[in-house]
N, C-alpha and C. Protein backbone atom coordinates (compact mmCIF):
# COMPACT_ATOMS: atom_id res chain seq x y z
N MET A 1 2.57 107.17 -18.63
CA MET A 1 2.23 106.68 -20.42
C MET A 1 2.72 106.73 -21.54
N ASP A 2 2.93 107.14 -22.48
CA ASP A 2 3.53 107.53 -23.24
C ASP A 2 2.85 106.95 -24.92
N ASN A 3 1.52 107.38 -24.46
CA ASN A 3 0.63 107.49 -26.00
C ASN A 3 0.38 107.99 -27.06
N SER A 4 1.44 107.60 -28.34
CA SER A 4 1.86 108.74 -29.43
C SER A 4 1.05 107.87 -31.14
N LEU A 5 0.95 108.70 -31.63
CA LEU A 5 1.58 107.90 -33.21
C LEU A 5 2.79 108.32 -33.74
N ALA A 6 2.66 107.15 -34.97
CA ALA A 6 4.91 107.41 -34.95
C ALA A 6 4.85 107.14 -36.77
N THR A 7 4.97 106.72 -37.52
CA THR A 7 5.02 107.83 -39.03
C THR A 7 5.70 105.94 -39.26
N LYS A 8 6.15 104.87 -38.39
CA LYS A 8 7.07 104.07 -38.83
C LYS A 8 6.42 103.70 -38.15
N GLN A 9 6.31 101.98 -37.80
CA GLN A 9 5.85 100.63 -36.98
C GLN A 9 7.50 100.74 -35.55
N LEU A 10 7.07 100.84 -34.58
CA LEU A 10 8.13 101.21 -34.00
C LEU A 10 7.46 100.12 -31.87
N GLU A 11 8.06 99.50 -31.48
CA GLU A 11 7.14 98.59 -30.14
C GLU A 11 6.49 99.52 -29.52
N GLY A 12 5.65 98.60 -29.36
CA GLY A 12 4.81 99.64 -28.11
C GLY A 12 3.90 100.18 -28.75
N ARG A 13 3.88 101.58 -29.79
CA ARG A 13 3.25 102.51 -30.73
C ARG A 13 2.20 102.06 -31.88
N LYS A 14 1.37 102.75 -32.28
CA LYS A 14 0.34 102.39 -32.86
C LYS A 14 0.81 103.42 -34.31
N GLN A 15 0.39 102.86 -35.22
CA GLN A 15 0.90 103.02 -36.28
C GLN A 15 -0.30 104.35 -36.83
N ASN A 16 0.22 104.67 -38.07
CA ASN A 16 -0.54 105.86 -37.73
C ASN A 16 -0.52 106.02 -39.43
N LYS A 17 -2.30 105.64 -39.13
CA LYS A 17 -3.43 105.80 -39.63
C LYS A 17 -4.19 107.02 -40.68
N GLU A 18 -2.87 108.13 -40.72
CA GLU A 18 -4.12 108.63 -42.27
C GLU A 18 -4.10 108.13 -43.48
N ARG A 19 -4.70 108.37 -44.71
CA ARG A 19 -4.70 108.09 -45.52
C ARG A 19 -5.57 109.48 -46.00
N LEU A 20 -4.70 108.90 -47.36
CA LEU A 20 -5.25 109.89 -48.70
C LEU A 20 -5.58 109.38 -50.50
N THR A 21 -6.42 109.13 -51.26
CA THR A 21 -6.33 108.62 -52.06
C THR A 21 -6.58 109.60 -53.29
N LEU A 22 -5.99 109.75 -54.39
CA LEU A 22 -5.81 110.15 -55.34
C LEU A 22 -6.33 109.13 -56.12
N ALA A 23 -7.30 109.82 -57.74
CA ALA A 23 -7.38 109.59 -57.97
C ALA A 23 -7.17 110.86 -59.57
N VAL A 24 -6.54 110.26 -61.05
CA VAL A 24 -6.51 110.70 -62.00
C VAL A 24 -7.22 110.17 -63.37
N CYS A 25 -7.42 111.39 -64.01
CA CYS A 25 -8.15 110.04 -65.20
C CYS A 25 -8.61 110.66 -66.23
N TYR A 26 -7.42 110.37 -67.55
CA TYR A 26 -7.62 110.50 -68.85
C TYR A 26 -7.04 110.18 -69.93
N ASN A 27 -7.85 110.20 -70.66
CA ASN A 27 -6.95 108.82 -71.56
C ASN A 27 -6.44 109.13 -72.87
N VAL A 28 -5.56 109.18 -74.21
CA VAL A 28 -3.93 108.14 -74.36
C VAL A 28 -3.18 109.04 -74.81
N ASP A 29 -4.07 110.06 -75.48
CA ASP A 29 -3.20 111.10 -75.47
C ASP A 29 -3.38 112.19 -75.15
N GLY A 30 -4.00 112.76 -73.90
CA GLY A 30 -4.45 113.66 -73.19
C GLY A 30 -5.38 115.11 -72.81
N SER A 31 -6.11 115.00 -74.66
CA SER A 31 -7.04 115.06 -75.13
C SER A 31 -8.33 115.62 -74.37
N ASP A 32 -8.83 114.41 -73.21
CA ASP A 32 -10.09 114.08 -72.86
C ASP A 32 -9.31 114.15 -70.68
N LYS A 33 -9.47 114.84 -70.31
CA LYS A 33 -8.95 115.31 -69.14
C LYS A 33 -10.54 114.82 -67.82
N LEU A 34 -10.54 114.03 -66.96
CA LEU A 34 -10.97 114.52 -65.90
C LEU A 34 -10.84 115.27 -64.77
N PRO A 35 -11.45 116.30 -63.87
CA PRO A 35 -10.52 116.94 -62.83
C PRO A 35 -9.88 115.53 -61.57
N LEU A 36 -9.16 116.88 -61.00
CA LEU A 36 -8.11 115.66 -59.80
C LEU A 36 -9.32 115.23 -58.70
N LEU A 37 -9.23 113.39 -58.83
CA LEU A 37 -10.19 113.79 -57.37
C LEU A 37 -9.44 113.13 -56.11
N VAL A 38 -10.01 114.10 -55.53
CA VAL A 38 -8.81 114.02 -53.92
C VAL A 38 -9.83 113.10 -52.74
N ILE A 39 -9.59 111.75 -52.13
CA ILE A 39 -10.64 111.40 -51.16
C ILE A 39 -10.43 111.43 -49.62
N GLY A 40 -10.23 112.00 -48.85
CA GLY A 40 -10.45 112.39 -47.58
C GLY A 40 -11.02 111.82 -46.52
N LYS A 41 -10.11 111.19 -45.42
CA LYS A 41 -11.70 110.78 -44.55
C LYS A 41 -12.96 111.33 -44.05
N TYR A 42 -12.21 113.11 -44.05
CA TYR A 42 -13.62 113.49 -42.95
C TYR A 42 -13.75 114.64 -44.24
N GLU A 43 -14.98 114.65 -43.72
CA GLU A 43 -16.03 116.07 -44.90
C GLU A 43 -15.29 117.00 -45.10
N ASN A 44 -15.83 118.04 -44.01
CA ASN A 44 -15.41 119.55 -43.56
C ASN A 44 -13.35 119.31 -43.09
N LEU A 45 -12.58 119.02 -43.80
CA LEU A 45 -11.33 119.83 -43.18
C LEU A 45 -11.43 121.19 -42.10
N ARG A 46 -9.97 121.40 -41.20
CA ARG A 46 -10.08 122.32 -40.74
C ARG A 46 -9.65 123.64 -41.73
N CYS A 47 -8.38 122.82 -42.67
CA CYS A 47 -7.75 123.37 -43.20
C CYS A 47 -8.20 123.80 -44.16
N PHE A 48 -10.26 123.90 -44.71
CA PHE A 48 -10.66 124.34 -45.80
C PHE A 48 -11.10 124.89 -45.44
N LYS A 49 -11.54 125.92 -44.43
CA LYS A 49 -12.69 125.79 -42.60
C LYS A 49 -12.70 127.36 -43.16
N ASN A 50 -12.27 128.19 -44.01
CA ASN A 50 -12.96 129.60 -44.95
C ASN A 50 -12.32 130.05 -46.19
N VAL A 51 -12.30 129.06 -46.91
CA VAL A 51 -11.58 128.08 -47.95
C VAL A 51 -12.90 127.69 -48.72
N ASN A 52 -13.21 128.06 -50.80
CA ASN A 52 -13.65 127.98 -51.38
C ASN A 52 -13.15 126.53 -51.98
N ARG A 53 -13.78 125.86 -51.69
CA ARG A 53 -12.79 124.42 -52.31
C ARG A 53 -13.05 124.54 -53.72
N ASP A 54 -14.47 125.11 -54.82
CA ASP A 54 -14.74 125.02 -55.75
C ASP A 54 -12.96 125.92 -56.38
N SER A 55 -13.30 126.20 -55.76
CA SER A 55 -11.21 126.81 -56.41
C SER A 55 -10.16 126.51 -57.08
N PHE A 56 -10.73 125.56 -56.42
CA PHE A 56 -9.25 123.83 -56.33
C PHE A 56 -9.11 123.99 -57.62
N GLY A 57 -10.21 123.63 -57.94
CA GLY A 57 -8.69 122.58 -59.63
C GLY A 57 -9.43 121.23 -59.52
N CYS A 58 -10.38 120.17 -58.05
CA CYS A 58 -9.99 119.57 -58.18
C CYS A 58 -11.35 119.14 -56.92
N LYS A 59 -11.47 117.60 -57.52
CA LYS A 59 -13.15 117.63 -56.25
C LYS A 59 -12.47 117.21 -55.26
N TYR A 60 -13.12 117.12 -53.75
CA TYR A 60 -13.00 116.04 -52.44
C TYR A 60 -13.60 115.25 -52.42
N ARG A 61 -13.89 114.31 -52.22
CA ARG A 61 -14.76 113.96 -51.52
C ARG A 61 -13.58 112.40 -49.79
N SER A 62 -15.60 112.86 -49.58
CA SER A 62 -14.54 112.13 -48.04
C SER A 62 -15.57 110.91 -48.18
N ASN A 63 -14.34 109.45 -47.01
CA ASN A 63 -15.08 108.08 -46.74
C ASN A 63 -14.04 107.96 -45.79
N PRO A 64 -14.52 107.80 -44.83
CA PRO A 64 -14.12 106.79 -43.09
C PRO A 64 -12.95 105.96 -43.55
N LYS A 65 -13.19 105.85 -45.14
CA LYS A 65 -11.23 104.37 -44.99
C LYS A 65 -10.10 105.24 -45.83
N ALA A 66 -10.83 106.59 -46.11
CA ALA A 66 -10.15 106.84 -47.20
C ALA A 66 -10.14 106.00 -48.83
N TRP A 67 -11.18 106.03 -48.75
CA TRP A 67 -11.17 104.20 -50.44
C TRP A 67 -12.24 105.10 -51.21
N MET A 68 -12.22 104.91 -52.89
CA MET A 68 -12.61 104.89 -53.62
C MET A 68 -14.08 103.88 -53.82
N THR A 69 -14.65 104.18 -53.46
CA THR A 69 -15.43 103.25 -53.36
C THR A 69 -16.28 103.31 -54.56
N GLN A 70 -17.35 102.53 -54.71
CA GLN A 70 -19.13 102.80 -56.33
C GLN A 70 -19.34 104.78 -56.48
N ASP A 71 -20.22 104.02 -55.91
CA ASP A 71 -20.67 106.07 -55.31
C ASP A 71 -19.80 106.90 -55.70
N ILE A 72 -18.18 107.29 -55.74
CA ILE A 72 -17.45 107.91 -55.30
C ILE A 72 -16.82 107.57 -56.48
N PHE A 73 -17.15 106.87 -57.96
CA PHE A 73 -16.79 106.07 -58.54
C PHE A 73 -17.73 107.12 -60.01
N LEU A 74 -19.07 106.45 -59.74
CA LEU A 74 -20.40 106.59 -60.71
C LEU A 74 -19.88 108.65 -60.84
N ASP A 75 -20.02 109.48 -59.16
CA ASP A 75 -19.94 110.20 -59.14
C ASP A 75 -19.27 111.31 -59.79
């Protein structure tokens, strides 16, 4: 039996459920910008294991479905 993820819907295969949300916020003339917000599914990603997240220039938050929630929005 072959169980794998597919990037497009295939007969008898699971659909890929990787999610990532990006939030960009600034005013009309661009003089007031908030840092880029990235929302992913996992709190601690393996690729960021020995990396200082503050040096990215963006904020990373996690949510099980990678959705924007009220708590993340208000933060």
